[in-house]
Amino acid sequence: MRLSLYEYEQSKHISAQCYPFYALLAALMRDADTDNTAKLKAAWPELWESMRRRYNAPVGVVEEWDGMTPEEYHAQKQQEREEAEDSW
């Protein structure tokens, strides 16, 4: 496989955003085709399991990991939005 110039240029834009490494892997897992999904699952089985758990959980909240319910998460996000609007 050879990386195209377009793909290389896009990788620079993505890299400049400074996303966390595992967030990038999770995005790859979310969007990968069948063959690449199998490769990613084999390389990072614990991350795949974590993605599966979050995908199947309401709004991605796993209570025993996050220490909150989906409802509490929604309330927290709403409060953050309101505070951001108030700061304008």
N, C-alpha and C. Protein backbone atom coordinates (compact mmCIF):
# COMPACT_ATOMS: atom_id res chain seq x y z
N MET A 1 0.84 -1.17 0.00
CA MET A 1 0.00 0.00 0.00
C MET A 1 0.88 1.23 0.00
N ARG A 2 0.55 2.16 -0.85
CA ARG A 2 1.29 3.42 -0.94
C ARG A 2 0.36 4.56 -0.56
N LEU A 3 0.86 5.45 0.27
CA LEU A 3 0.09 6.61 0.71
C LEU A 3 0.08 7.64 -0.41
N SER A 4 -1.12 8.07 -0.80
CA SER A 4 -1.21 9.08 -1.85
C SER A 4 -0.81 10.44 -1.29
N LEU A 5 -0.50 11.36 -2.18
CA LEU A 5 -0.15 12.72 -1.77
C LEU A 5 -1.33 13.36 -1.03
N TYR A 6 -2.54 13.14 -1.53
CA TYR A 6 -3.74 13.67 -0.87
C TYR A 6 -3.84 13.12 0.56
N GLU A 7 -3.67 11.84 0.72
CA GLU A 7 -3.76 11.23 2.05
C GLU A 7 -2.67 11.78 2.97
N TYR A 8 -1.49 11.97 2.42
CA TYR A 8 -0.40 12.53 3.21
C TYR A 8 -0.75 13.95 3.67
N GLU A 9 -1.26 14.77 2.75
CA GLU A 9 -1.65 16.13 3.09
C GLU A 9 -2.75 16.14 4.15
N GLN A 10 -3.73 15.26 4.00
CA GLN A 10 -4.80 15.17 4.99
C GLN A 10 -4.26 14.75 6.35
N SER A 11 -3.28 13.87 6.35
CA SER A 11 -2.69 13.43 7.63
C SER A 11 -2.03 14.60 8.35
N LYS A 12 -1.46 15.53 7.63
CA LYS A 12 -0.86 16.71 8.26
C LYS A 12 -1.93 17.58 8.90
N HIS A 13 -3.06 17.75 8.23
CA HIS A 13 -4.16 18.54 8.80
C HIS A 13 -4.71 17.88 10.06
N ILE A 14 -4.89 16.58 10.00
CA ILE A 14 -5.40 15.84 11.16
C ILE A 14 -4.41 15.94 12.32
N SER A 15 -3.13 15.74 12.02
CA SER A 15 -2.10 15.79 13.05
C SER A 15 -2.03 17.16 13.73
N ALA A 16 -2.24 18.21 12.96
CA ALA A 16 -2.18 19.57 13.51
C ALA A 16 -3.27 19.82 14.55
N GLN A 17 -4.32 19.02 14.55
CA GLN A 17 -5.40 19.18 15.51
C GLN A 17 -5.04 18.66 16.90
N CYS A 18 -3.97 17.88 16.98
CA CYS A 18 -3.48 17.34 18.26
C CYS A 18 -4.51 16.48 18.98
N TYR A 19 -5.26 15.66 18.22
CA TYR A 19 -6.21 14.74 18.84
C TYR A 19 -5.45 13.69 19.65
N PRO A 20 -6.04 13.21 20.74
CA PRO A 20 -5.40 12.12 21.49
C PRO A 20 -5.27 10.86 20.62
N PHE A 21 -4.19 10.14 20.80
CA PHE A 21 -3.88 8.96 19.99
C PHE A 21 -5.03 7.96 19.97
N TYR A 22 -5.58 7.64 21.14
CA TYR A 22 -6.64 6.63 21.19
C TYR A 22 -7.94 7.15 20.58
N ALA A 23 -8.15 8.46 20.60
CA ALA A 23 -9.32 9.01 19.92
C ALA A 23 -9.19 8.81 18.41
N LEU A 24 -7.98 8.97 17.89
CA LEU A 24 -7.75 8.73 16.46
C LEU A 24 -7.97 7.26 16.12
N LEU A 25 -7.46 6.37 16.97
CA LEU A 25 -7.68 4.94 16.73
C LEU A 25 -9.16 4.59 16.79
N ALA A 26 -9.87 5.18 17.74
CA ALA A 26 -11.31 4.92 17.86
C ALA A 26 -12.03 5.39 16.61
N ALA A 27 -11.64 6.54 16.07
CA ALA A 27 -12.25 7.04 14.84
C ALA A 27 -11.96 6.09 13.68
N LEU A 28 -10.74 5.58 13.63
CA LEU A 28 -10.40 4.60 12.59
C LEU A 28 -11.27 3.36 12.71
N MET A 29 -11.42 2.87 13.93
CA MET A 29 -12.24 1.68 14.15
C MET A 29 -13.69 1.93 13.73
N ARG A 30 -14.18 3.11 13.99
CA ARG A 30 -15.56 3.46 13.67
C ARG A 30 -15.78 3.48 12.16
N ASP A 31 -14.78 3.91 11.39
CA ASP A 31 -14.95 4.14 9.95
C ASP A 31 -14.30 3.09 9.05
N ALA A 32 -13.59 2.14 9.62
CA ALA A 32 -12.81 1.19 8.81
C ALA A 32 -13.70 0.21 8.04
N ASP A 33 -13.19 -0.21 6.90
CA ASP A 33 -13.85 -1.28 6.15
C ASP A 33 -13.60 -2.60 6.86
N THR A 34 -14.16 -3.67 6.36
CA THR A 34 -14.10 -4.98 7.03
C THR A 34 -12.67 -5.46 7.25
N ASP A 35 -11.85 -5.40 6.22
CA ASP A 35 -10.47 -5.89 6.35
C ASP A 35 -9.67 -5.06 7.35
N ASN A 36 -9.80 -3.74 7.28
CA ASN A 36 -9.06 -2.89 8.20
C ASN A 36 -9.61 -2.97 9.62
N THR A 37 -10.90 -3.19 9.76
CA THR A 37 -11.46 -3.40 11.10
C THR A 37 -10.84 -4.62 11.75
N ALA A 38 -10.70 -5.69 11.00
CA ALA A 38 -10.08 -6.91 11.54
C ALA A 38 -8.64 -6.64 11.98
N LYS A 39 -7.91 -5.87 11.21
CA LYS A 39 -6.52 -5.54 11.57
C LYS A 39 -6.47 -4.70 12.84
N LEU A 40 -7.35 -3.71 12.92
CA LEU A 40 -7.37 -2.85 14.10
C LEU A 40 -7.79 -3.63 15.35
N LYS A 41 -8.79 -4.50 15.21
CA LYS A 41 -9.22 -5.33 16.34
C LYS A 41 -8.08 -6.22 16.82
N ALA A 42 -7.32 -6.79 15.89
CA ALA A 42 -6.21 -7.66 16.26
C ALA A 42 -5.09 -6.89 16.95
N ALA A 43 -4.84 -5.67 16.49
CA ALA A 43 -3.75 -4.87 17.05
C ALA A 43 -4.10 -4.26 18.40
N TRP A 44 -5.36 -3.87 18.59
CA TRP A 44 -5.79 -3.20 19.82
C TRP A 44 -7.09 -3.83 20.34
N PRO A 45 -7.05 -5.08 20.81
CA PRO A 45 -8.29 -5.75 21.24
C PRO A 45 -8.96 -5.07 22.44
N GLU A 46 -8.20 -4.53 23.38
CA GLU A 46 -8.81 -3.88 24.53
C GLU A 46 -9.51 -2.59 24.12
N LEU A 47 -8.92 -1.85 23.21
CA LEU A 47 -9.57 -0.63 22.73
C LEU A 47 -10.83 -0.99 21.94
N TRP A 48 -10.77 -2.05 21.15
CA TRP A 48 -11.96 -2.49 20.42
C TRP A 48 -13.10 -2.82 21.38
N GLU A 49 -12.78 -3.55 22.45
CA GLU A 49 -13.80 -3.91 23.44
C GLU A 49 -14.36 -2.66 24.10
N SER A 50 -13.50 -1.70 24.41
CA SER A 50 -13.95 -0.45 25.00
C SER A 50 -14.87 0.31 24.04
N MET A 51 -14.50 0.35 22.77
CA MET A 51 -15.36 0.99 21.77
C MET A 51 -16.71 0.29 21.68
N ARG A 52 -16.69 -1.04 21.69
CA ARG A 52 -17.94 -1.80 21.62
C ARG A 52 -18.84 -1.49 22.81
N ARG A 53 -18.24 -1.45 24.02
CA ARG A 53 -19.03 -1.14 25.22
C ARG A 53 -19.64 0.25 25.14
N ARG A 54 -18.85 1.23 24.73
CA ARG A 54 -19.36 2.59 24.65
C ARG A 54 -20.39 2.73 23.53
N TYR A 55 -20.17 2.07 22.42
CA TYR A 55 -21.11 2.13 21.29
C TYR A 55 -22.49 1.62 21.70
N ASN A 56 -22.50 0.58 22.51
CA ASN A 56 -23.76 -0.04 22.93
C ASN A 56 -24.37 0.59 24.18
N ALA A 57 -23.65 1.52 24.80
CA ALA A 57 -24.16 2.19 26.01
C ALA A 57 -24.90 3.47 25.61
N PRO A 58 -25.91 3.85 26.37
CA PRO A 58 -26.62 5.10 26.07
C PRO A 58 -25.64 6.28 26.09
N VAL A 59 -25.61 7.03 25.03
CA VAL A 59 -24.73 8.18 24.79
C VAL A 59 -23.25 7.89 25.07
N GLY A 60 -22.88 6.63 25.04
CA GLY A 60 -21.48 6.26 25.24
C GLY A 60 -21.02 6.23 26.68
N VAL A 61 -21.94 6.42 27.61
CA VAL A 61 -21.59 6.46 29.03
C VAL A 61 -21.63 5.05 29.60
N VAL A 62 -20.50 4.60 30.15
CA VAL A 62 -20.41 3.34 30.87
C VAL A 62 -20.28 3.72 32.34
N GLU A 63 -21.35 3.52 33.07
CA GLU A 63 -21.45 4.05 34.44
C GLU A 63 -20.26 3.66 35.32
N GLU A 64 -19.84 2.39 35.28
CA GLU A 64 -18.75 1.98 36.17
C GLU A 64 -17.42 2.59 35.78
N TRP A 65 -17.27 3.04 34.56
CA TRP A 65 -16.03 3.72 34.12
C TRP A 65 -16.11 5.22 34.33
N ASP A 66 -17.28 5.79 34.08
CA ASP A 66 -17.41 7.24 34.05
C ASP A 66 -17.93 7.84 35.35
N GLY A 67 -18.46 7.01 36.23
CA GLY A 67 -18.95 7.49 37.52
C GLY A 67 -20.18 8.37 37.43
N MET A 68 -20.95 8.21 36.35
CA MET A 68 -22.19 8.97 36.20
C MET A 68 -23.13 8.20 35.30
N THR A 69 -24.42 8.54 35.43
CA THR A 69 -25.43 7.94 34.58
C THR A 69 -25.53 8.75 33.28
N PRO A 70 -26.18 8.19 32.26
CA PRO A 70 -26.40 8.98 31.04
C PRO A 70 -27.17 10.29 31.32
N GLU A 71 -28.12 10.24 32.25
CA GLU A 71 -28.88 11.44 32.60
C GLU A 71 -27.97 12.51 33.23
N GLU A 72 -27.08 12.06 34.11
CA GLU A 72 -26.14 13.00 34.73
C GLU A 72 -25.20 13.59 33.67
N TYR A 73 -24.80 12.77 32.72
CA TYR A 73 -23.95 13.24 31.63
C TYR A 73 -24.67 14.33 30.83
N HIS A 74 -25.93 14.08 30.47
CA HIS A 74 -26.72 15.08 29.74
C HIS A 74 -26.82 16.38 30.53
N ALA A 75 -27.07 16.28 31.82
CA ALA A 75 -27.19 17.48 32.66
C ALA A 75 -25.87 18.24 32.70
N GLN A 76 -24.77 17.52 32.80
CA GLN A 76 -23.45 18.16 32.82
C GLN A 76 -23.18 18.88 31.50
N LYS A 77 -23.48 18.24 30.37
CA LYS A 77 -23.26 18.85 29.06
C LYS A 77 -24.16 20.09 28.88
N GLN A 78 -25.40 20.00 29.35
CA GLN A 78 -26.31 21.14 29.27
C GLN A 78 -25.77 22.32 30.06
N GLN A 79 -25.26 22.04 31.25
CA GLN A 79 -24.70 23.10 32.08
C GLN A 79 -23.48 23.72 31.40
N GLU A 80 -22.63 22.90 30.79
CA GLU A 80 -21.46 23.42 30.08
C GLU A 80 -21.88 24.32 28.91
N ARG A 81 -22.93 23.92 28.18
CA ARG A 81 -23.42 24.74 27.06
C ARG A 81 -23.94 26.08 27.57
N GLU A 82 -24.70 26.04 28.65
CA GLU A 82 -25.26 27.27 29.20
C GLU A 82 -24.15 28.20 29.69
N GLU A 83 -23.13 27.65 30.33
CA GLU A 83 -22.02 28.46 30.80
C GLU A 83 -21.25 29.07 29.62
N ALA A 84 -21.10 28.31 28.55
CA ALA A 84 -20.42 28.82 27.37
C ALA A 84 -21.21 29.95 26.73
N GLU A 85 -22.54 29.81 26.68
CA GLU A 85 -23.39 30.87 26.12
C GLU A 85 -23.33 32.12 26.99
N ASP A 86 -23.28 31.95 28.32
CA ASP A 86 -23.23 33.09 29.23
C ASP A 86 -21.92 33.84 29.11
N SER A 87 -20.85 33.16 28.71
CA SER A 87 -19.54 33.80 28.63
C SER A 87 -19.42 34.70 27.40
N TRP A 88 -20.36 34.61 26.47
CA TRP A 88 -20.33 35.49 25.30
C TRP A 88 -20.87 36.79 25.72
